[in-house]
Protein backbone atom coordinates (compact mmCIF):
# COMPACT_ATOMS: atom_id res chain seq x y z
CA ALA A 1 0.58 -16.44 -19.02
CA ALA A 2 3.89 -17.00 -18.38
CA ALA A 3 5.54 -19.32 -14.90
CA VAL A 4 8.47 -17.19 -14.41
CA GLU A 5 11.48 -18.18 -11.01
CA ARG A 6 13.48 -15.62 -10.42
CA THR A 7 15.74 -14.72 -7.83
CA ALA A 8 15.54 -12.69 -5.22
CA ALA A 9 18.98 -10.16 -6.36
CA GLY A 10 17.50 -10.88 -10.15
CA LEU A 11 14.39 -8.86 -8.65
CA LEU A 12 16.17 -5.38 -7.91
CA ALA A 13 17.64 -5.67 -11.50
CA ALA A 14 13.50 -6.12 -12.85
CA ASN A 15 12.08 -3.12 -11.08
CA GLY A 16 13.76 -0.69 -13.84
CA ALA A 17 12.24 -3.02 -16.20
CA ALA A 18 8.28 -3.50 -14.38
CA ALA A 19 5.27 -1.93 -16.32
CA ASN A 20 5.20 1.97 -15.00
CA GLY A 21 1.40 2.66 -16.44
CA GLY A 22 -0.17 2.61 -12.85
CA ALA A 23 0.99 5.74 -11.87
CA ALA A 24 -0.81 7.40 -14.43
CA ALA A 25 -3.79 4.67 -14.48
CA ASN A 26 -4.69 6.57 -10.85
CA GLY A 27 -4.92 9.52 -12.74
CA ASN A 28 -7.77 8.70 -15.41
CA ASN A 29 -11.11 9.34 -15.24
CA ASN A 30 -12.82 6.22 -13.42
CA GLY A 31 -15.19 7.67 -11.52
CA GLY A 32 -13.71 8.19 -8.01
CA MET A 33 -12.39 4.88 -8.15
CA GLY A 34 -8.99 3.63 -8.25
CA VAL A 35 -7.78 0.85 -9.26
CA HIS A 36 -7.61 -0.95 -5.69
CA ASP A 37 -11.05 0.11 -5.26
CA MET A 38 -12.10 -2.30 -8.52
CA VAL A 39 -10.80 -4.93 -7.89
CA ARG A 40 -11.30 -4.70 -4.67
CA ALA A 41 -15.46 -4.74 -5.66
CA ALA A 42 -14.63 -7.17 -8.36
CA TYR A 43 -13.17 -10.05 -6.42
CA ALA A 44 -15.31 -9.82 -3.58
CA ALA A 45 -18.19 -10.46 -5.86
CA SER A 46 -16.22 -13.22 -6.68
CA ALA A 47 -15.41 -14.79 -3.69
CA THR A 48 -19.21 -14.45 -2.69
CA GLY A 49 -21.18 -15.52 -5.92
CA GLY A 50 -18.56 -17.83 -7.38
CA ALA A 51 -16.89 -18.47 -10.32
CA GLY A 52 -19.37 -17.15 -12.57
CA ALA A 53 -19.52 -13.98 -10.37
CA LEU A 54 -17.84 -11.59 -13.09
CA PRO A 55 -18.49 -11.23 -16.55
CA LEU A 56 -16.31 -14.31 -17.97
CA ASP A 57 -16.30 -17.76 -19.33
CA CYS A 58 -14.06 -19.99 -17.15
CA GLY A 59 -14.65 -22.91 -19.14
CA ASP A 60 -15.01 -26.13 -18.00
CA PRO A 61 -13.07 -26.51 -14.62
CA LYS A 62 -11.33 -29.77 -14.86
CA LYS A 63 -9.76 -29.07 -18.52
CA ARG A 64 -9.04 -25.58 -17.54
CA ARG A 65 -6.98 -26.73 -14.70
CA GLN A 66 -5.42 -28.91 -16.39
CA LEU A 67 -4.61 -26.70 -19.31
CA LEU A 68 -2.88 -24.36 -16.45
CA GLY A 69 -1.14 -27.23 -15.34
CA TYR A 70 -3.02 -28.65 -12.31
CA SER A 71 -3.35 -32.11 -11.27
CA GLU A 72 -7.03 -32.83 -9.68
CA GLU A 73 -5.10 -34.40 -6.68
CA GLU A 74 -3.89 -31.00 -5.07
CA VAL A 75 -6.96 -28.32 -6.08
CA ASN A 76 -9.35 -27.24 -3.63
CA THR A 77 -12.00 -26.98 -5.81
CA ALA A 78 -13.84 -24.57 -3.37
CA ALA A 79 -10.73 -22.10 -3.87
CA ASP A 80 -11.09 -22.25 -7.42
CA LEU A 81 -12.82 -19.38 -8.65
CA GLY A 82 -11.37 -19.40 -12.12
CA LEU A 83 -8.96 -16.27 -12.04
CA GLY A 84 -5.63 -17.68 -11.78
CA CYS A 85 -3.96 -17.83 -15.64
CA GLY A 86 -1.55 -20.38 -14.94
CA ASN A 87 -0.36 -23.10 -11.67
CA PRO A 88 2.74 -20.61 -9.87
CA LEU A 89 3.43 -24.09 -7.79
CA SER A 90 5.28 -25.71 -10.73
CA THR A 91 8.05 -23.17 -10.95
CA ALA A 92 8.17 -23.16 -6.78
CA ASN A 93 10.49 -25.72 -6.13
CA LEU A 94 9.00 -25.83 -2.81
CA GLN A 95 10.34 -28.42 0.02
CA PRO A 96 9.22 -28.88 3.63
CA GLY A 97 9.83 -26.64 6.76
CA GLU A 98 9.56 -24.23 4.21
CA VAL A 99 7.71 -20.77 4.51
CA VAL A 100 5.35 -19.65 1.69
CA VAL A 101 3.82 -16.34 0.97
CA ASP A 102 1.15 -15.54 -1.56
CA LEU A 103 0.33 -12.42 -3.25
CA GLY A 104 -3.19 -12.41 -3.96
CA SER A 105 -4.43 -15.19 -2.65
CA GLY A 106 -7.87 -14.89 -3.71
CA ALA A 107 -10.15 -18.13 -2.18
CA GLY A 108 -6.69 -19.80 -0.92
CA ILE A 109 -6.06 -22.68 -4.25
CA ASP A 110 -2.71 -22.39 -4.30
CA CYS A 111 -2.04 -21.54 -0.53
CA LEU A 112 -4.14 -24.82 0.35
CA ALA A 113 -1.68 -26.93 -2.49
CA ALA A 114 1.21 -25.19 -1.10
CA SER A 115 0.47 -26.38 2.51
CA LYS A 116 0.94 -29.86 1.14
CA GLN A 117 4.47 -29.12 -0.06
CA VAL A 118 5.82 -27.47 2.36
CA GLY A 119 4.13 -30.50 5.43
CA PRO A 120 3.39 -29.61 9.15
CA THR A 121 7.27 -27.78 9.53
CA GLY A 122 5.87 -25.56 6.81
CA HIS A 123 4.10 -22.58 6.22
CA VAL A 124 2.39 -20.75 3.71
CA ILE A 125 0.82 -17.13 4.05
CA GLY A 126 -1.34 -16.24 1.79
CA VAL A 127 -2.24 -11.87 1.36
CA ASP A 128 -5.28 -10.66 0.64
CA MET A 129 -6.59 -6.96 0.08
CA THR A 130 -10.27 -8.63 -0.32
CA PRO A 131 -11.85 -9.54 3.26
CA GLU A 132 -15.06 -11.52 1.49
CA MET A 133 -11.36 -13.50 -0.24
CA LEU A 134 -10.11 -13.65 3.10
CA THR A 135 -13.38 -14.95 4.35
CA LYS A 136 -13.92 -17.59 2.25
CA ALA A 137 -9.78 -18.82 2.12
CA ARG A 138 -9.93 -19.28 6.32
CA GLY A 139 -13.47 -21.64 5.48
CA ASN A 140 -12.01 -23.43 3.24
CA ALA A 141 -8.66 -24.09 5.24
CA LYS A 142 -10.81 -24.87 8.30
CA LYS A 143 -13.15 -27.28 6.00
CA ASP A 144 -9.92 -29.28 4.79
CA GLY A 145 -8.65 -28.94 8.76
CA ILE A 146 -5.20 -27.37 6.76
CA SER A 147 -3.45 -25.68 9.94
CA ASN A 148 -0.10 -24.79 8.32
CA VAL A 149 -2.01 -22.01 6.87
CA SER A 150 -2.91 -18.62 7.29
CA PHE A 151 -4.65 -15.92 5.76
CA ARG A 152 -4.01 -12.22 6.70
CA LEU A 153 -5.70 -9.20 5.03
CA GLY A 154 -3.24 -6.19 3.45
CA GLU A 155 -1.72 -4.96 0.10
CA ILE A 156 0.92 -6.76 -1.94
CA GLU A 157 2.33 -2.85 -2.35
CA HIS A 158 2.88 -3.72 0.89
CA LEU A 159 2.81 -6.84 2.71
CA PRO A 160 2.24 -8.08 6.23
CA VAL A 161 5.13 -10.11 6.34
CA GLY A 162 8.36 -9.48 8.61
CA ASP A 163 11.27 -9.03 6.52
CA GLY A 164 13.48 -11.67 5.80
CA VAL A 165 11.81 -14.39 6.86
CA VAL A 166 10.21 -16.35 3.42
CA ASN A 167 11.30 -18.81 0.89
CA CYS A 168 9.64 -18.20 -1.75
CA VAL A 169 7.06 -16.05 -3.13
CA ILE A 170 3.89 -17.35 -5.53
CA SER A 171 1.11 -15.44 -7.25
CA ASN A 172 -1.38 -15.96 -9.20
CA CYS A 173 -2.60 -13.75 -12.11
CA VAL A 174 -1.98 -10.76 -9.76
CA ILE A 175 0.61 -8.48 -9.80
CA ASN A 176 -0.84 -7.44 -12.75
CA LEU A 177 -4.07 -5.91 -10.87
CA SER A 178 -1.31 -3.92 -9.37
CA PRO A 179 -1.14 0.08 -9.87
CA ASP A 180 3.07 0.28 -8.65
CA LYS A 181 4.34 -3.01 -10.20
CA PRO A 182 7.89 -1.88 -9.00
CA GLN A 183 6.80 -1.71 -5.31
CA VAL A 184 5.57 -5.37 -5.44
CA TYR A 185 8.70 -6.12 -6.40
CA ARG A 186 10.40 -4.15 -3.83
CA GLU A 187 8.12 -5.50 -1.49
CA MET A 188 8.57 -9.54 -2.31
CA CYS A 189 12.71 -8.80 -1.87
CA ARG A 190 12.40 -7.36 1.31
CA ILE A 191 10.62 -10.17 2.69
CA LEU A 192 12.87 -12.81 1.06
CA VAL A 193 15.75 -14.55 2.54
CA PRO A 194 19.14 -14.80 1.02
CA GLY A 195 19.04 -16.62 -2.31
CA GLY A 196 15.10 -16.93 -1.48
CA ARG A 197 12.51 -17.38 -5.10
CA VAL A 198 9.51 -16.35 -6.73
CA SER A 199 7.51 -18.34 -8.57
CA ILE A 200 4.99 -16.40 -10.82
CA SER A 201 2.15 -17.11 -12.99
CA ASP A 202 1.01 -13.54 -14.40
CA VAL A 203 -0.37 -11.73 -18.10
CA MET A 204 2.43 -9.18 -19.45
CA ARG A 205 1.22 -6.43 -21.21
CA MET A 206 3.38 -6.47 -24.74
CA GLU A 207 2.28 -3.24 -26.28
CA ASP A 208 0.77 0.11 -25.43
CA ILE A 209 -2.91 0.24 -24.69
CA PRO A 210 -4.39 2.43 -27.07
CA GLU A 211 -5.81 5.88 -25.98
CA ALA A 212 -9.64 5.19 -25.19
CA LEU A 213 -8.86 1.62 -23.51
CA ARG A 214 -6.63 3.91 -21.15
CA THR A 215 -9.05 3.42 -17.96
CA ALA A 216 -7.32 2.79 -15.03
CA GLN A 217 -8.97 -1.05 -14.24
CA SER A 218 -7.34 -1.74 -18.32
CA PHE A 219 -4.30 0.51 -17.50
CA ALA A 220 -2.80 -1.63 -14.63
CA CYS A 221 -2.77 -4.84 -17.21
């Protein structure tokens, strides 16, 4: 996993180099389910079942958070479902009063932490396509009395955010799941103010996926 910070201008150049397997993935035999459907089902199970719902070992939560670059003081433990691969806030350089959008905000772990950094004059918007995750995230924010965060239903390829209104876009291990990664980067550029920035923690496919593994779900990575 790598945390990467880029300016909006740099993102446009990155579109051509983005992983291009998503379109082909939708054409594979996947039982009639597209990438979005499979991801939504898996993350709904995680939202309702907790960190152990998906078939993976998240390890000791405190040790894992430390390895990913979080301090215990900034983390809402109820929002940590063990789904991230780093800490996008470590390179975001958020400032008081800024507007932040989190792509695939999940249960709100990074949104809630970002809300402390932008302060009462700033605002954090979490976008997620899974209703169960939105319910959990909103509950976590309400429980902690955090009022400068909102969560919106939407796909990261079609963000429910206006043009040129965001200072920083963050994302934590979500873009790899998109079947149309170049479109995600175009949306980032659309919503960012001039000179806006992006801080991403994600995984990257370094080699072609073997033919036997080219299902819609694996090909999306």
